[in-house]
Full PDB file with SEQRES, HELIX, SHEET, SSBOND, CRYST1, ORIGX, SCALE, CONECT and MASTER records, all heavy atoms in Angstrom:
SEQRES   1 A   34  SER ASN ASN GLY VAL GLU VAL ASP ARG TYR ALA GLN VAL          
SEQRES   2 A   34  TYR ARG MET LEU LEU GLU TYR THR ARG LYS GLU LEU PRO          
SEQRES   3 A   34  SER THR HIS LEU VAL LEU CYS GLU                              
HELIX    1 AA1 VAL A    7  GLU A   24  1                                  18    
CRYST1    1.000    1.000    1.000  90.00  90.00  90.00 P 1           1          
ORIGX1      1.000000  0.000000  0.000000        0.00000                         
ORIGX2      0.000000  1.000000  0.000000        0.00000                         
ORIGX3      0.000000  0.000000  1.000000        0.00000                         
SCALE1      1.000000  0.000000  0.000000        0.00000                         
SCALE2      0.000000  1.000000  0.000000        0.00000                         
SCALE3      0.000000  0.000000  1.000000        0.00000                         
ATOM      1  N   SER A   1       0.810  -1.222   0.000  1.00  0.00           N  
ATOM      2  CA  SER A   1       0.000   0.000   0.000  1.00  0.00           C  
ATOM      3  C   SER A   1       0.842   1.270   0.000  1.00  0.00           C  
ATOM      4  O   SER A   1       0.312   2.353   0.246  1.00  0.00           O  
ATOM      5  CB  SER A   1      -0.922   0.015   1.221  1.00  0.00           C  
ATOM      6  OG  SER A   1      -0.168  -0.076   2.423  1.00  0.00           O  
ATOM      7  N   ASN A   2       2.138   1.154  -0.249  1.00  0.00           N  
ATOM      8  CA  ASN A   2       3.049   2.296  -0.262  1.00  0.00           C  
ATOM      9  C   ASN A   2       2.975   3.083   1.048  1.00  0.00           C  
ATOM     10  O   ASN A   2       3.032   4.305   1.069  1.00  0.00           O  
ATOM     11  CB  ASN A   2       2.743   3.225  -1.450  1.00  0.00           C  
ATOM     12  CG  ASN A   2       3.893   4.181  -1.739  1.00  0.00           C  
ATOM     13  OD1 ASN A   2       5.049   3.866  -1.460  1.00  0.00           O  
ATOM     14  ND2 ASN A   2       3.574   5.335  -2.299  1.00  0.00           N  
ATOM     15  N   ASN A   3       2.857   2.334   2.150  1.00  0.00           N  
ATOM     16  CA  ASN A   3       2.778   2.963   3.463  1.00  0.00           C  
ATOM     17  C   ASN A   3       3.683   2.244   4.457  1.00  0.00           C  
ATOM     18  O   ASN A   3       3.373   2.124   5.633  1.00  0.00           O  
ATOM     19  CB  ASN A   3       1.326   2.964   3.983  1.00  0.00           C  
ATOM     20  CG  ASN A   3       1.149   3.867   5.190  1.00  0.00           C  
ATOM     21  OD1 ASN A   3       1.792   4.906   5.303  1.00  0.00           O  
ATOM     22  ND2 ASN A   3       0.260   3.480   6.085  1.00  0.00           N  
ATOM     23  N   GLY A   4       4.804   1.759   3.960  1.00  0.00           N  
ATOM     24  CA  GLY A   4       5.757   1.098   4.838  1.00  0.00           C  
ATOM     25  C   GLY A   4       6.673   2.089   5.525  1.00  0.00           C  
ATOM     26  O   GLY A   4       6.483   3.304   5.451  1.00  0.00           O  
ATOM     27  N   VAL A   5       7.640   1.552   6.225  1.00  0.00           N  
ATOM     28  CA  VAL A   5       8.634   2.376   6.912  1.00  0.00           C  
ATOM     29  C   VAL A   5      10.001   2.027   6.320  1.00  0.00           C  
ATOM     30  O   VAL A   5      10.434   0.873   6.383  1.00  0.00           O  
ATOM     31  CB  VAL A   5       8.633   2.114   8.433  1.00  0.00           C  
ATOM     32  CG1 VAL A   5       9.731   2.915   9.119  1.00  0.00           C  
ATOM     33  CG2 VAL A   5       7.274   2.464   9.024  1.00  0.00           C  
ATOM     34  N   GLU A   6      10.650   3.026   5.744  1.00  0.00           N  
ATOM     35  CA  GLU A   6      11.944   2.805   5.099  1.00  0.00           C  
ATOM     36  C   GLU A   6      12.938   2.187   6.080  1.00  0.00           C  
ATOM     37  O   GLU A   6      12.857   2.396   7.281  1.00  0.00           O  
ATOM     38  CB  GLU A   6      12.503   4.122   4.569  1.00  0.00           C  
ATOM     39  CG  GLU A   6      11.610   4.832   3.557  1.00  0.00           C  
ATOM     40  CD  GLU A   6      10.583   5.747   4.199  1.00  0.00           C  
ATOM     41  OE1 GLU A   6      10.330   5.618   5.439  1.00  0.00           O  
ATOM     42  OE2 GLU A   6      10.014   6.591   3.479  1.00  0.00           O  
ATOM     43  N   VAL A   7      13.875   1.438   5.538  1.00  0.00           N  
ATOM     44  CA  VAL A   7      14.811   0.695   6.379  1.00  0.00           C  
ATOM     45  C   VAL A   7      15.578   1.611   7.324  1.00  0.00           C  
ATOM     46  O   VAL A   7      15.715   1.314   8.520  1.00  0.00           O  
ATOM     47  CB  VAL A   7      15.787  -0.127   5.508  1.00  0.00           C  
ATOM     48  CG1 VAL A   7      16.895  -0.733   6.358  1.00  0.00           C  
ATOM     49  CG2 VAL A   7      15.042  -1.225   4.763  1.00  0.00           C  
ATOM     50  N   ASP A   8      16.071   2.731   6.841  1.00  0.00           N  
ATOM     51  CA  ASP A   8      16.845   3.620   7.713  1.00  0.00           C  
ATOM     52  C   ASP A   8      15.972   4.249   8.784  1.00  0.00           C  
ATOM     53  O   ASP A   8      16.406   4.445   9.925  1.00  0.00           O  
ATOM     54  CB  ASP A   8      17.589   4.688   6.902  1.00  0.00           C  
ATOM     55  CG  ASP A   8      16.675   5.543   6.052  1.00  0.00           C  
ATOM     56  OD1 ASP A   8      15.495   5.191   5.862  1.00  0.00           O  
ATOM     57  OD2 ASP A   8      17.146   6.599   5.558  1.00  0.00           O  
ATOM     58  N   ARG A   9      14.709   4.545   8.432  1.00  0.00           N  
ATOM     59  CA  ARG A   9      13.801   5.115   9.440  1.00  0.00           C  
ATOM     60  C   ARG A   9      13.374   4.044  10.436  1.00  0.00           C  
ATOM     61  O   ARG A   9      13.166   4.337  11.626  1.00  0.00           O  
ATOM     62  CB  ARG A   9      12.586   5.743   8.758  1.00  0.00           C  
ATOM     63  CG  ARG A   9      11.723   6.592   9.698  1.00  0.00           C  
ATOM     64  CD  ARG A   9      10.896   7.605   8.931  1.00  0.00           C  
ATOM     65  NE  ARG A   9       9.919   6.969   8.065  1.00  0.00           N  
ATOM     66  CZ  ARG A   9       8.604   6.881   8.340  1.00  0.00           C  
ATOM     67  NH1 ARG A   9       8.133   7.396   9.460  1.00  0.00           N  
ATOM     68  NH2 ARG A   9       7.780   6.305   7.513  1.00  0.00           N  
ATOM     69  N   TYR A  10      13.227   2.821   9.980  1.00  0.00           N  
ATOM     70  CA  TYR A  10      12.950   1.696  10.879  1.00  0.00           C  
ATOM     71  C   TYR A  10      14.048   1.592  11.936  1.00  0.00           C  
ATOM     72  O   TYR A  10      13.771   1.480  13.144  1.00  0.00           O  
ATOM     73  CB  TYR A  10      12.869   0.416  10.049  1.00  0.00           C  
ATOM     74  CG  TYR A  10      12.793  -0.883  10.814  1.00  0.00           C  
ATOM     75  CD1 TYR A  10      11.591  -1.336  11.340  1.00  0.00           C  
ATOM     76  CD2 TYR A  10      13.926  -1.683  10.970  1.00  0.00           C  
ATOM     77  CE1 TYR A  10      11.515  -2.551  12.011  1.00  0.00           C  
ATOM     78  CE2 TYR A  10      13.857  -2.900  11.631  1.00  0.00           C  
ATOM     79  CZ  TYR A  10      12.654  -3.326  12.154  1.00  0.00           C  
ATOM     80  OH  TYR A  10      12.591  -4.535  12.820  1.00  0.00           O  
ATOM     81  N   ALA A  11      15.293   1.670  11.504  1.00  0.00           N  
ATOM     82  CA  ALA A  11      16.420   1.600  12.429  1.00  0.00           C  
ATOM     83  C   ALA A  11      16.401   2.767  13.410  1.00  0.00           C  
ATOM     84  O   ALA A  11      16.637   2.597  14.613  1.00  0.00           O  
ATOM     85  CB  ALA A  11      17.734   1.585  11.654  1.00  0.00           C  
ATOM     86  N   GLN A  12      16.110   3.957  12.908  1.00  0.00           N  
ATOM     87  CA  GLN A  12      16.112   5.156  13.744  1.00  0.00           C  
ATOM     88  C   GLN A  12      15.018   5.092  14.799  1.00  0.00           C  
ATOM     89  O   GLN A  12      15.266   5.351  15.992  1.00  0.00           O  
ATOM     90  CB  GLN A  12      15.922   6.394  12.875  1.00  0.00           C  
ATOM     91  CG  GLN A  12      15.895   7.692  13.649  1.00  0.00           C  
ATOM     92  CD  GLN A  12      15.621   8.895  12.754  1.00  0.00           C  
ATOM     93  OE1 GLN A  12      15.091   8.752  11.651  1.00  0.00           O  
ATOM     94  NE2 GLN A  12      15.984  10.072  13.206  1.00  0.00           N  
ATOM     95  N   VAL A  13      13.807   4.743  14.390  1.00  0.00           N  
ATOM     96  CA  VAL A  13      12.681   4.723  15.330  1.00  0.00           C  
ATOM     97  C   VAL A  13      12.826   3.587  16.331  1.00  0.00           C  
ATOM     98  O   VAL A  13      12.553   3.756  17.530  1.00  0.00           O  
ATOM     99  CB  VAL A  13      11.344   4.614  14.567  1.00  0.00           C  
ATOM    100  CG1 VAL A  13      10.178   4.483  15.545  1.00  0.00           C  
ATOM    101  CG2 VAL A  13      11.138   5.839  13.675  1.00  0.00           C  
ATOM    102  N   TYR A  14      13.288   2.436  15.868  1.00  0.00           N  
ATOM    103  CA  TYR A  14      13.493   1.303  16.770  1.00  0.00           C  
ATOM    104  C   TYR A  14      14.534   1.660  17.833  1.00  0.00           C  
ATOM    105  O   TYR A  14      14.364   1.379  19.026  1.00  0.00           O  
ATOM    106  CB  TYR A  14      13.955   0.089  15.965  1.00  0.00           C  
ATOM    107  CG  TYR A  14      13.622  -1.266  16.553  1.00  0.00           C  
ATOM    108  CD1 TYR A  14      13.415  -2.370  15.729  1.00  0.00           C  
ATOM    109  CD2 TYR A  14      13.533  -1.469  17.931  1.00  0.00           C  
ATOM    110  CE1 TYR A  14      13.127  -3.626  16.249  1.00  0.00           C  
ATOM    111  CE2 TYR A  14      13.243  -2.716  18.461  1.00  0.00           C  
ATOM    112  CZ  TYR A  14      13.044  -3.792  17.610  1.00  0.00           C  
ATOM    113  OH  TYR A  14      12.752  -5.035  18.132  1.00  0.00           O  
ATOM    114  N   ARG A  15      15.616   2.320  17.422  1.00  0.00           N  
ATOM    115  CA  ARG A  15      16.637   2.734  18.378  1.00  0.00           C  
ATOM    116  C   ARG A  15      16.073   3.754  19.371  1.00  0.00           C  
ATOM    117  O   ARG A  15      16.357   3.678  20.584  1.00  0.00           O  
ATOM    118  CB  ARG A  15      17.846   3.317  17.642  1.00  0.00           C  
ATOM    119  CG  ARG A  15      18.994   3.721  18.561  1.00  0.00           C  
ATOM    120  CD  ARG A  15      20.224   4.140  17.777  1.00  0.00           C  
ATOM    121  NE  ARG A  15      20.848   2.995  17.106  1.00  0.00           N  
ATOM    122  CZ  ARG A  15      21.696   2.179  17.681  1.00  0.00           C  
ATOM    123  NH1 ARG A  15      22.046   2.354  18.953  1.00  0.00           N  
ATOM    124  NH2 ARG A  15      22.220   1.165  16.999  1.00  0.00           N  
ATOM    125  N   MET A  16      15.270   4.683  18.885  1.00  0.00           N  
ATOM    126  CA  MET A  16      14.638   5.657  19.778  1.00  0.00           C  
ATOM    127  C   MET A  16      13.753   4.958  20.807  1.00  0.00           C  
ATOM    128  O   MET A  16      13.748   5.325  21.993  1.00  0.00           O  
ATOM    129  CB  MET A  16      13.813   6.650  18.960  1.00  0.00           C  
ATOM    130  CG  MET A  16      14.621   7.633  18.144  1.00  0.00           C  
ATOM    131  SD  MET A  16      13.578   8.572  16.978  1.00  0.00           S  
ATOM    132  CE  MET A  16      12.373   9.298  18.101  1.00  0.00           C  
ATOM    133  N   LEU A  17      13.012   3.950  20.369  1.00  0.00           N  
ATOM    134  CA  LEU A  17      12.138   3.209  21.274  1.00  0.00           C  
ATOM    135  C   LEU A  17      12.951   2.519  22.368  1.00  0.00           C  
ATOM    136  O   LEU A  17      12.579   2.548  23.547  1.00  0.00           O  
ATOM    137  CB  LEU A  17      11.333   2.199  20.458  1.00  0.00           C  
ATOM    138  CG  LEU A  17      10.291   1.354  21.191  1.00  0.00           C  
ATOM    139  CD1 LEU A  17       9.117   1.033  20.259  1.00  0.00           C  
ATOM    140  CD2 LEU A  17      10.895   0.049  21.689  1.00  0.00           C  
ATOM    141  N   LEU A  18      14.067   1.939  21.993  1.00  0.00           N  
ATOM    142  CA  LEU A  18      14.903   1.247  22.977  1.00  0.00           C  
ATOM    143  C   LEU A  18      15.595   2.233  23.911  1.00  0.00           C  
ATOM    144  O   LEU A  18      15.742   1.961  25.113  1.00  0.00           O  
ATOM    145  CB  LEU A  18      15.921   0.367  22.260  1.00  0.00           C  
ATOM    146  CG  LEU A  18      15.326  -0.776  21.427  1.00  0.00           C  
ATOM    147  CD1 LEU A  18      16.418  -1.504  20.663  1.00  0.00           C  
ATOM    148  CD2 LEU A  18      14.539  -1.754  22.296  1.00  0.00           C  
ATOM    149  N   GLU A  19      16.028   3.364  23.391  1.00  0.00           N  
ATOM    150  CA  GLU A  19      16.623   4.399  24.239  1.00  0.00           C  
ATOM    151  C   GLU A  19      15.614   4.901  25.257  1.00  0.00           C  
ATOM    152  O   GLU A  19      15.942   5.119  26.437  1.00  0.00           O  
ATOM    153  CB  GLU A  19      17.138   5.542  23.374  1.00  0.00           C  
ATOM    154  CG  GLU A  19      18.359   5.192  22.540  1.00  0.00           C  
ATOM    155  CD  GLU A  19      18.749   6.277  21.559  1.00  0.00           C  
ATOM    156  OE1 GLU A  19      17.914   7.180  21.295  1.00  0.00           O  
ATOM    157  OE2 GLU A  19      19.880   6.226  21.046  1.00  0.00           O  
ATOM    158  N   TYR A  20      14.399   5.116  24.805  1.00  0.00           N  
ATOM    159  CA  TYR A  20      13.309   5.545  25.681  1.00  0.00           C  
ATOM    160  C   TYR A  20      13.078   4.507  26.774  1.00  0.00           C  
ATOM    161  O   TYR A  20      12.921   4.844  27.966  1.00  0.00           O  
ATOM    162  CB  TYR A  20      12.059   5.738  24.816  1.00  0.00           C  
ATOM    163  CG  TYR A  20      10.800   6.169  25.512  1.00  0.00           C  
ATOM    164  CD1 TYR A  20      10.814   6.953  26.660  1.00  0.00           C  
ATOM    165  CD2 TYR A  20       9.552   5.817  24.981  1.00  0.00           C  
ATOM    166  CE1 TYR A  20       9.644   7.363  27.263  1.00  0.00           C  
ATOM    167  CE2 TYR A  20       8.382   6.222  25.578  1.00  0.00           C  
ATOM    168  CZ  TYR A  20       8.429   6.986  26.724  1.00  0.00           C  
ATOM    169  OH  TYR A  20       7.259   7.386  27.309  1.00  0.00           O  
ATOM    170  N   THR A  21      13.092   3.239  26.395  1.00  0.00           N  
ATOM    171  CA  THR A  21      12.874   2.169  27.355  1.00  0.00           C  
ATOM    172  C   THR A  21      13.992   2.113  28.381  1.00  0.00           C  
ATOM    173  O   THR A  21      13.747   1.979  29.586  1.00  0.00           O  
ATOM    174  CB  THR A  21      12.761   0.821  26.624  1.00  0.00           C  
ATOM    175  OG1 THR A  21      11.748   0.901  25.621  1.00  0.00           O  
ATOM    176  CG2 THR A  21      12.416  -0.295  27.596  1.00  0.00           C  
ATOM    177  N   ARG A  22      15.225   2.211  27.930  1.00  0.00           N  
ATOM    178  CA  ARG A  22      16.357   2.182  28.849  1.00  0.00           C  
ATOM    179  C   ARG A  22      16.317   3.356  29.829  1.00  0.00           C  
ATOM    180  O   ARG A  22      16.692   3.220  30.994  1.00  0.00           O  
ATOM    181  CB  ARG A  22      17.666   2.208  28.060  1.00  0.00           C  
ATOM    182  CG  ARG A  22      18.100   0.840  27.543  1.00  0.00           C  
ATOM    183  CD  ARG A  22      18.683   0.008  28.662  1.00  0.00           C  
ATOM    184  NE  ARG A  22      19.077  -1.321  28.205  1.00  0.00           N  
ATOM    185  CZ  ARG A  22      18.459  -2.437  28.535  1.00  0.00           C  
ATOM    186  NH1 ARG A  22      17.383  -2.381  29.313  1.00  0.00           N  
ATOM    187  NH2 ARG A  22      18.883  -3.605  28.118  1.00  0.00           N  
ATOM    188  N   LYS A  23      15.863   4.515  29.356  1.00  0.00           N  
ATOM    189  CA  LYS A  23      15.767   5.684  30.228  1.00  0.00           C  
ATOM    190  C   LYS A  23      14.700   5.491  31.299  1.00  0.00           C  
ATOM    191  O   LYS A  23      14.920   5.795  32.479  1.00  0.00           O  
ATOM    192  CB  LYS A  23      15.456   6.926  29.403  1.00  0.00           C  
ATOM    193  CG  LYS A  23      15.268   8.190  30.239  1.00  0.00           C  
ATOM    194  CD  LYS A  23      14.892   9.380  29.373  1.00  0.00           C  
ATOM    195  CE  LYS A  23      14.623  10.622  30.230  1.00  0.00           C  
ATOM    196  NZ  LYS A  23      14.193  11.774  29.408  1.00  0.00           N  
ATOM    197  N   GLU A  24      13.539   4.989  30.900  1.00  0.00           N  
ATOM    198  CA  GLU A  24      12.409   4.850  31.818  1.00  0.00           C  
ATOM    199  C   GLU A  24      12.471   3.571  32.645  1.00  0.00           C  
ATOM    200  O   GLU A  24      12.012   3.542  33.788  1.00  0.00           O  
ATOM    201  CB  GLU A  24      11.098   4.870  31.021  1.00  0.00           C  
ATOM    202  CG  GLU A  24      10.836   6.171  30.274  1.00  0.00           C  
ATOM    203  CD  GLU A  24      10.563   7.329  31.214  1.00  0.00           C  
ATOM    204  OE1 GLU A  24       9.937   7.097  32.278  1.00  0.00           O  
ATOM    205  OE2 GLU A  24      10.975   8.465  30.900  1.00  0.00           O  
ATOM    206  N   LEU A  25      13.030   2.506  32.055  1.00  0.00           N  
ATOM    207  CA  LEU A  25      13.076   1.197  32.722  1.00  0.00           C  
ATOM    208  C   LEU A  25      14.494   0.630  32.604  1.00  0.00           C  
ATOM    209  O   LEU A  25      14.730  -0.337  31.894  1.00  0.00           O  
ATOM    210  CB  LEU A  25      12.072   0.237  32.068  1.00  0.00           C  
ATOM    211  CG  LEU A  25      10.610   0.676  32.022  1.00  0.00           C  
ATOM    212  CD1 LEU A  25       9.801  -0.275  31.143  1.00  0.00           C  
ATOM    213  CD2 LEU A  25      10.010   0.752  33.422  1.00  0.00           C  
ATOM    214  N   PRO A  26      15.445   1.211  33.295  1.00  0.00           N  
ATOM    215  CA  PRO A  26      16.853   0.831  33.091  1.00  0.00           C  
ATOM    216  C   PRO A  26      17.174  -0.619  33.433  1.00  0.00           C  
ATOM    217  O   PRO A  26      18.142  -1.174  32.904  1.00  0.00           O  
ATOM    218  CB  PRO A  26      17.610   1.801  33.997  1.00  0.00           C  
ATOM    219  CG  PRO A  26      16.607   2.279  34.995  1.00  0.00           C  
ATOM    220  CD  PRO A  26      15.297   2.303  34.277  1.00  0.00           C  
ATOM    221  N   SER A  27      16.409  -1.244  34.291  1.00  0.00           N  
ATOM    222  CA  SER A  27      16.724  -2.614  34.688  1.00  0.00           C  
ATOM    223  C   SER A  27      15.883  -3.661  33.955  1.00  0.00           C  
ATOM    224  O   SER A  27      16.050  -4.865  34.198  1.00  0.00           O  
ATOM    225  CB  SER A  27      16.531  -2.781  36.204  1.00  0.00           C  
ATOM    226  OG  SER A  27      15.184  -2.532  36.570  1.00  0.00           O  
ATOM    227  N   THR A  28      15.013  -3.229  33.072  1.00  0.00           N  
ATOM    228  CA  THR A  28      14.161  -4.178  32.345  1.00  0.00           C  
ATOM    229  C   THR A  28      14.982  -4.966  31.330  1.00  0.00           C  
ATOM    230  O   THR A  28      15.767  -4.396  30.570  1.00  0.00           O  
ATOM    231  CB  THR A  28      13.017  -3.434  31.634  1.00  0.00           C  
ATOM    232  OG1 THR A  28      12.129  -2.907  32.619  1.00  0.00           O  
ATOM    233  CG2 THR A  28      12.240  -4.370  30.708  1.00  0.00           C  
ATOM    234  N   HIS A  29      14.790  -6.260  31.312  1.00  0.00           N  
ATOM    235  CA  HIS A  29      15.490  -7.142  30.380  1.00  0.00           C  
ATOM    236  C   HIS A  29      14.799  -7.066  29.017  1.00  0.00           C  
ATOM    237  O   HIS A  29      13.575  -7.226  28.924  1.00  0.00           O  
ATOM    238  CB  HIS A  29      15.473  -8.578  30.906  1.00  0.00           C  
ATOM    239  CG  HIS A  29      16.314  -9.512  30.108  1.00  0.00           C  
ATOM    240  ND1 HIS A  29      17.673  -9.651  30.309  1.00  0.00           N  
ATOM    241  CD2 HIS A  29      16.004 -10.358  29.094  1.00  0.00           C  
ATOM    242  CE1 HIS A  29      18.150 -10.539  29.475  1.00  0.00           C  
ATOM    243  NE2 HIS A  29      17.168 -10.976  28.712  1.00  0.00           N  
ATOM    244  N   LEU A  30      15.573  -6.854  27.965  1.00  0.00           N  
ATOM    245  CA  LEU A  30      15.029  -6.711  26.620  1.00  0.00           C  
ATOM    246  C   LEU A  30      15.290  -7.968  25.801  1.00  0.00           C  
ATOM    247  O   LEU A  30      16.382  -8.548  25.853  1.00  0.00           O  
ATOM    248  CB  LEU A  30      15.647  -5.513  25.911  1.00  0.00           C  
ATOM    249  CG  LEU A  30      15.373  -4.139  26.540  1.00  0.00           C  
ATOM    250  CD1 LEU A  30      16.165  -3.062  25.800  1.00  0.00           C  
ATOM    251  CD2 LEU A  30      13.884  -3.825  26.523  1.00  0.00           C  
ATOM    252  N   VAL A  31      14.281  -8.357  25.031  1.00  0.00           N  
ATOM    253  CA  VAL A  31      14.382  -9.481  24.102  1.00  0.00           C  
ATOM    254  C   VAL A  31      13.949  -8.971  22.733  1.00  0.00           C  
ATOM    255  O   VAL A  31      12.798  -8.552  22.562  1.00  0.00           O  
ATOM    256  CB  VAL A  31      13.490 -10.662  24.525  1.00  0.00           C  
ATOM    257  CG1 VAL A  31      13.601 -11.804  23.519  1.00  0.00           C  
ATOM    258  CG2 VAL A  31      13.826 -11.123  25.930  1.00  0.00           C  
ATOM    259  N   LEU A  32      14.865  -8.958  21.778  1.00  0.00           N  
ATOM    260  CA  LEU A  32      14.544  -8.494  20.424  1.00  0.00           C  
ATOM    261  C   LEU A  32      14.455  -9.705  19.504  1.00  0.00           C  
ATOM    262  O   LEU A  32      15.424 -10.470  19.374  1.00  0.00           O  
ATOM    263  CB  LEU A  32      15.599  -7.516  19.915  1.00  0.00           C  
ATOM    264  CG  LEU A  32      15.880  -6.297  20.795  1.00  0.00           C  
ATOM    265  CD1 LEU A  32      16.772  -5.306  20.040  1.00  0.00           C  
ATOM    266  CD2 LEU A  32      14.590  -5.626  21.253  1.00  0.00           C  
ATOM    267  N   CYS A  33      13.308  -9.865  18.876  1.00  0.00           N  
ATOM    268  CA  CYS A  33      13.050 -11.021  18.030  1.00  0.00           C  
ATOM    269  C   CYS A  33      13.252 -10.665  16.561  1.00  0.00           C  
ATOM    270  O   CYS A  33      12.824  -9.597  16.105  1.00  0.00           O  
ATOM    271  CB  CYS A  33      11.629 -11.528  18.246  1.00  0.00           C  
ATOM    272  SG  CYS A  33      11.276 -12.040  19.941  1.00  0.00           S  
ATOM    273  N   GLU A  34      13.886 -11.555  15.848  1.00  0.00           N  
ATOM    274  CA  GLU A  34      14.177 -11.357  14.436  1.00  0.00           C  
ATOM    275  C   GLU A  34      12.894 -11.438  13.607  1.00  0.00           C  
ATOM    276  O   GLU A  34      12.200 -12.452  13.650  1.00  0.00           O  
ATOM    277  CB  GLU A  34      15.160 -12.432  13.980  1.00  0.00           C  
ATOM    278  CG  GLU A  34      15.636 -12.297  12.556  1.00  0.00           C  
ATOM    279  CD  GLU A  34      16.643 -13.380  12.199  1.00  0.00           C  
ATOM    280  OE1 GLU A  34      16.520 -14.515  12.711  1.00  0.00           O  
ATOM    281  OE2 GLU A  34      17.563 -13.082  11.416  1.00  0.00           O  
TER     282      GLU A  34                                                      
MASTER        0    0    0    1    0    0    0    6  281    1    0    3          
END                                                                             
């Protein structure tokens, strides 16, 4: 539908999400699934 998320923006937003998580929940264990 031409409404995807470009690969570089996917990387940027995913990293922002994880940074946000580490800031708010520094001791939470993260599991990233392929």
